[in-house]
Amino acid sequence: MPEIREAILASKPALPPSLERPWRGWHDLQHDRAWLTDLVGAAIGKIRGVSRPGGISWQALARWCEANAVSEDDRPWIEDQIRAMDSVFMAYRNRRITEDIEQFMKG
């Protein structure tokens, strides 16, 4: 399937240079988050465990900025961009989890 991957990469929109660094940062840090586990269910009915994402930790973000030589002037903007992307991810993921749970409870 390499041809499919190549076709997708060829049609990928170009990211403005100013957004490349926060985008890379978010991707580097997306696995440095806590996941919250909940059990959802009815009294004597279905029960399901779900994991919901928490935010990227401040410590992980600070370490990433240090490791990538982010200047003190650029740091607030980079951190804001990464936090904004992370909040969009969490809202999307939590919405999908909620929809999945609703479907599970109906079925």
Protein backbone atom coordinates (compact mmCIF):
# COMPACT_ATOMS: atom_id res chain seq x y z
CA MET A 1 0.00 0.00 0.00
CA PRO A 2 2.91 2.44 -0.34
CA GLU A 3 1.20 4.07 -3.32
CA ILE A 4 -1.79 5.04 -1.15
CA ARG A 5 0.50 6.58 1.45
CA GLU A 6 2.38 8.49 -1.25
CA ALA A 7 -0.88 9.78 -2.75
CA ILE A 8 -2.05 11.00 0.64
CA LEU A 9 1.27 12.71 1.36
CA ALA A 10 1.28 14.34 -2.09
CA SER A 11 -2.15 15.88 -1.48
CA LYS A 12 -1.28 17.03 2.05
CA PRO A 13 -1.72 20.79 2.37
CA ALA A 14 1.44 22.78 3.04
CA LEU A 15 1.68 24.05 6.59
CA PRO A 16 2.77 27.68 6.95
CA PRO A 17 6.30 27.82 8.41
CA SER A 18 5.05 29.71 11.47
CA LEU A 19 2.82 26.75 12.41
CA GLU A 20 5.31 23.96 11.74
CA ARG A 21 6.94 24.14 15.16
CA PRO A 22 3.74 24.06 17.27
CA TRP A 23 2.35 21.29 15.04
CA ARG A 24 5.52 19.21 15.55
CA GLY A 25 5.37 19.98 19.28
CA TRP A 26 1.80 18.77 19.60
CA HIS A 27 2.63 15.57 17.73
CA ASP A 28 5.71 15.00 19.87
CA LEU A 29 3.71 15.55 23.06
CA GLN A 30 0.41 13.86 22.23
CA HIS A 31 1.45 10.70 24.07
CA ASP A 32 2.50 12.63 27.19
CA ARG A 33 -1.02 12.89 28.51
CA ALA A 34 -2.90 11.14 31.26
CA TRP A 35 -5.86 9.00 30.27
CA LEU A 36 -8.79 8.84 32.66
CA THR A 37 -10.60 5.51 32.89
CA ASP A 38 -14.33 5.40 33.66
CA LEU A 39 -16.84 2.58 33.95
CA VAL A 40 -20.18 3.43 32.41
CA GLY A 41 -23.31 1.34 32.67
CA ALA A 42 -26.82 0.69 33.85
CA ALA A 43 -27.81 -0.93 37.15
CA ILE A 44 -28.06 -4.59 36.12
CA GLY A 45 -27.31 -4.07 32.49
CA LYS A 46 -24.44 -3.21 30.26
CA ILE A 47 -21.15 -2.00 31.67
CA ARG A 48 -18.31 -0.60 29.63
CA GLY A 49 -14.90 0.82 30.46
CA VAL A 50 -13.78 3.90 28.56
CA SER A 51 -10.58 5.94 28.53
CA ARG A 52 -10.80 9.69 28.07
CA PRO A 53 -7.78 11.86 27.29
CA GLY A 54 -6.51 14.45 29.72
CA GLY A 55 -4.42 17.43 28.68
CA ILE A 56 -0.71 17.40 27.93
CA SER A 57 1.09 18.16 31.19
CA TRP A 58 2.79 21.51 31.78
CA GLN A 59 5.98 19.68 32.73
CA ALA A 60 6.08 17.78 29.43
CA LEU A 61 5.45 20.99 27.49
CA ALA A 62 8.19 22.84 29.41
CA ARG A 63 10.68 20.00 28.79
CA TRP A 64 9.79 19.96 25.10
CA CYS A 65 10.40 23.71 24.84
CA GLU A 66 13.79 23.31 26.53
CA ALA A 67 14.80 20.33 24.39
CA ASN A 68 13.83 22.18 21.21
CA ALA A 69 15.54 25.45 22.17
CA VAL A 70 12.36 27.51 22.15
CA SER A 71 13.31 31.07 23.10
CA GLU A 72 11.67 32.84 26.04
CA ASP A 73 10.11 35.28 23.54
CA ASP A 74 8.55 32.49 21.44
CA ARG A 75 7.58 30.23 24.30
CA PRO A 76 4.18 31.76 25.28
CA TRP A 77 2.99 31.70 21.66
CA ILE A 78 4.21 28.13 21.05
CA GLU A 79 2.63 26.93 24.31
CA ASP A 80 -0.68 28.64 23.45
CA GLN A 81 -0.73 27.01 20.00
CA ILE A 82 0.02 23.54 21.39
CA ARG A 83 -2.63 23.98 24.11
CA ALA A 84 -5.18 25.12 21.50
CA MET A 85 -4.52 22.06 19.32
CA ASP A 86 -4.72 19.83 22.37
CA SER A 87 -8.09 21.27 23.43
CA VAL A 88 -9.49 20.63 19.93
CA PHE A 89 -8.21 17.04 20.08
CA MET A 90 -9.71 16.44 23.53
CA ALA A 91 -13.08 17.94 22.55
CA TYR A 92 -13.20 15.79 19.39
CA ARG A 93 -12.10 12.62 21.16
CA ASN A 94 -14.46 13.08 24.10
CA ARG A 95 -17.37 13.81 21.74
CA ARG A 96 -16.66 10.58 19.85
CA ILE A 97 -16.44 8.62 23.12
CA THR A 98 -19.76 10.07 24.29
CA GLU A 99 -21.43 9.18 20.98
CA ASP A 100 -20.02 5.65 21.20
CA ILE A 101 -21.31 5.22 24.77
CA GLU A 102 -24.77 6.49 23.76
CA GLN A 103 -24.86 3.98 20.90
CA PHE A 104 -23.66 1.20 23.21
CA MET A 105 -26.38 1.92 25.78
CA LYS A 106 -29.11 1.97 23.08
CA GLY A 107 -28.00 -1.27 21.42
